Amino acid sequence: MAYEYSKGWFIQQLKAGGISYHPIEKKKLELYKTFVLRRLYEDLKKGQS
């Protein structure tokens, strides 16, 4: 279990949403800093709304 809004939490949420790799660079999510993951998460939530 990861702390809410930590890097691990963002990775869990993105993988639950079906994103395992960065959509443009095709690298694993674990390689990115938290602010990049947060932007991907926000884009995911906007797409679901």
N, C-alpha and C. Protein backbone atom coordinates (compact mmCIF):
# COMPACT_ATOMS: atom_id res chain seq x y z
N MET A 1 0.84 -1.18 0.00
CA MET A 1 0.00 0.00 0.00
C MET A 1 0.89 1.24 0.00
N ALA A 2 0.53 2.20 -0.81
CA ALA A 2 1.32 3.42 -0.93
C ALA A 2 0.56 4.60 -0.32
N TYR A 3 1.31 5.57 0.16
CA TYR A 3 0.68 6.77 0.68
C TYR A 3 -0.04 7.50 -0.44
N GLU A 4 -1.19 8.07 -0.11
CA GLU A 4 -1.99 8.76 -1.12
C GLU A 4 -1.19 9.92 -1.72
N TYR A 5 -1.22 10.00 -3.04
CA TYR A 5 -0.54 11.02 -3.85
C TYR A 5 0.98 10.91 -3.83
N SER A 6 1.50 9.75 -3.46
CA SER A 6 2.93 9.50 -3.56
C SER A 6 3.21 8.91 -4.94
N LYS A 7 4.46 8.75 -5.28
CA LYS A 7 4.83 8.19 -6.58
C LYS A 7 4.22 6.80 -6.76
N GLY A 8 4.33 5.97 -5.73
CA GLY A 8 3.79 4.62 -5.80
C GLY A 8 2.27 4.61 -5.97
N TRP A 9 1.61 5.55 -5.34
CA TRP A 9 0.15 5.65 -5.45
C TRP A 9 -0.25 6.02 -6.87
N PHE A 10 0.46 6.99 -7.47
CA PHE A 10 0.16 7.37 -8.85
C PHE A 10 0.38 6.20 -9.79
N ILE A 11 1.44 5.42 -9.57
CA ILE A 11 1.71 4.26 -10.43
C ILE A 11 0.58 3.24 -10.28
N GLN A 12 0.12 2.99 -9.06
CA GLN A 12 -0.99 2.06 -8.85
C GLN A 12 -2.24 2.51 -9.59
N GLN A 13 -2.56 3.80 -9.48
CA GLN A 13 -3.77 4.32 -10.10
C GLN A 13 -3.69 4.25 -11.63
N LEU A 14 -2.53 4.59 -12.17
CA LEU A 14 -2.36 4.55 -13.62
C LEU A 14 -2.45 3.12 -14.14
N LYS A 15 -1.84 2.18 -13.44
CA LYS A 15 -1.90 0.78 -13.87
C LYS A 15 -3.32 0.25 -13.75
N ALA A 16 -4.05 0.66 -12.73
CA ALA A 16 -5.45 0.26 -12.59
C ALA A 16 -6.29 0.84 -13.73
N GLY A 17 -5.88 1.99 -14.25
CA GLY A 17 -6.57 2.62 -15.37
C GLY A 17 -6.11 2.09 -16.72
N GLY A 18 -5.17 1.14 -16.73
CA GLY A 18 -4.75 0.52 -17.96
C GLY A 18 -3.51 1.11 -18.60
N ILE A 19 -2.79 1.97 -17.87
CA ILE A 19 -1.57 2.59 -18.40
C ILE A 19 -0.37 1.98 -17.68
N SER A 20 0.48 1.26 -18.42
CA SER A 20 1.68 0.66 -17.83
C SER A 20 2.95 1.33 -18.33
N TYR A 21 2.85 2.02 -19.46
CA TYR A 21 3.98 2.70 -20.08
C TYR A 21 3.59 4.12 -20.41
N HIS A 22 4.58 5.00 -20.49
CA HIS A 22 4.32 6.38 -20.89
C HIS A 22 3.74 6.37 -22.30
N PRO A 23 2.66 7.12 -22.55
CA PRO A 23 2.00 7.03 -23.85
C PRO A 23 2.85 7.52 -25.03
N ILE A 24 3.80 8.39 -24.81
CA ILE A 24 4.60 8.93 -25.92
C ILE A 24 5.98 8.27 -25.97
N GLU A 25 6.66 8.22 -24.84
CA GLU A 25 8.04 7.73 -24.81
C GLU A 25 8.15 6.22 -24.66
N LYS A 26 7.06 5.54 -24.34
CA LYS A 26 7.00 4.07 -24.23
C LYS A 26 7.99 3.49 -23.22
N LYS A 27 8.26 4.22 -22.14
CA LYS A 27 9.11 3.70 -21.06
C LYS A 27 8.22 3.34 -19.88
N LYS A 28 8.73 2.48 -19.00
CA LYS A 28 7.97 2.09 -17.81
C LYS A 28 7.71 3.31 -16.93
N LEU A 29 6.56 3.29 -16.26
CA LEU A 29 6.17 4.41 -15.40
C LEU A 29 7.13 4.62 -14.24
N GLU A 30 7.74 3.53 -13.78
CA GLU A 30 8.63 3.62 -12.62
C GLU A 30 9.85 4.50 -12.87
N LEU A 31 10.16 4.80 -14.11
CA LEU A 31 11.34 5.60 -14.44
C LEU A 31 11.09 7.11 -14.34
N TYR A 32 9.84 7.50 -14.19
CA TYR A 32 9.49 8.92 -14.22
C TYR A 32 9.34 9.50 -12.83
N LYS A 33 9.55 10.80 -12.74
CA LYS A 33 9.38 11.52 -11.48
C LYS A 33 7.90 11.71 -11.19
N THR A 34 7.59 12.06 -9.95
CA THR A 34 6.21 12.16 -9.49
C THR A 34 5.41 13.19 -10.29
N PHE A 35 5.99 14.33 -10.64
CA PHE A 35 5.21 15.35 -11.33
C PHE A 35 4.76 14.89 -12.71
N VAL A 36 5.54 14.05 -13.37
CA VAL A 36 5.15 13.51 -14.67
C VAL A 36 3.98 12.54 -14.49
N LEU A 37 4.08 11.70 -13.47
CA LEU A 37 3.01 10.74 -13.20
C LEU A 37 1.73 11.44 -12.81
N ARG A 38 1.86 12.54 -12.06
CA ARG A 38 0.67 13.30 -11.66
C ARG A 38 -0.04 13.87 -12.88
N ARG A 39 0.71 14.36 -13.85
CA ARG A 39 0.09 14.89 -15.08
C ARG A 39 -0.61 13.78 -15.86
N LEU A 40 0.01 12.62 -15.95
CA LEU A 40 -0.63 11.49 -16.63
C LEU A 40 -1.92 11.09 -15.91
N TYR A 41 -1.88 11.10 -14.58
CA TYR A 41 -3.05 10.75 -13.79
C TYR A 41 -4.17 11.76 -14.01
N GLU A 42 -3.84 13.04 -14.04
CA GLU A 42 -4.85 14.08 -14.29
C GLU A 42 -5.45 13.92 -15.68
N ASP A 43 -4.64 13.59 -16.67
CA ASP A 43 -5.15 13.35 -18.02
C ASP A 43 -6.07 12.13 -18.05
N LEU A 44 -5.70 11.10 -17.29
CA LEU A 44 -6.54 9.90 -17.21
C LEU A 44 -7.90 10.23 -16.62
N LYS A 45 -7.91 11.02 -15.56
CA LYS A 45 -9.17 11.39 -14.91
C LYS A 45 -10.03 12.28 -15.80
N LYS A 46 -9.41 13.18 -16.56
CA LYS A 46 -10.16 14.04 -17.48
C LYS A 46 -10.80 13.20 -18.58
N GLY A 47 -10.09 12.18 -19.04
CA GLY A 47 -10.60 11.31 -20.08
C GLY A 47 -11.76 10.45 -19.62
N GLN A 48 -11.80 10.12 -18.34
CA GLN A 48 -12.87 9.29 -17.81
C GLN A 48 -14.12 10.10 -17.49
N SER A 49 -13.97 11.39 -17.30
CA SER A 49 -15.11 12.24 -16.92
C SER A 49 -16.01 12.54 -18.08
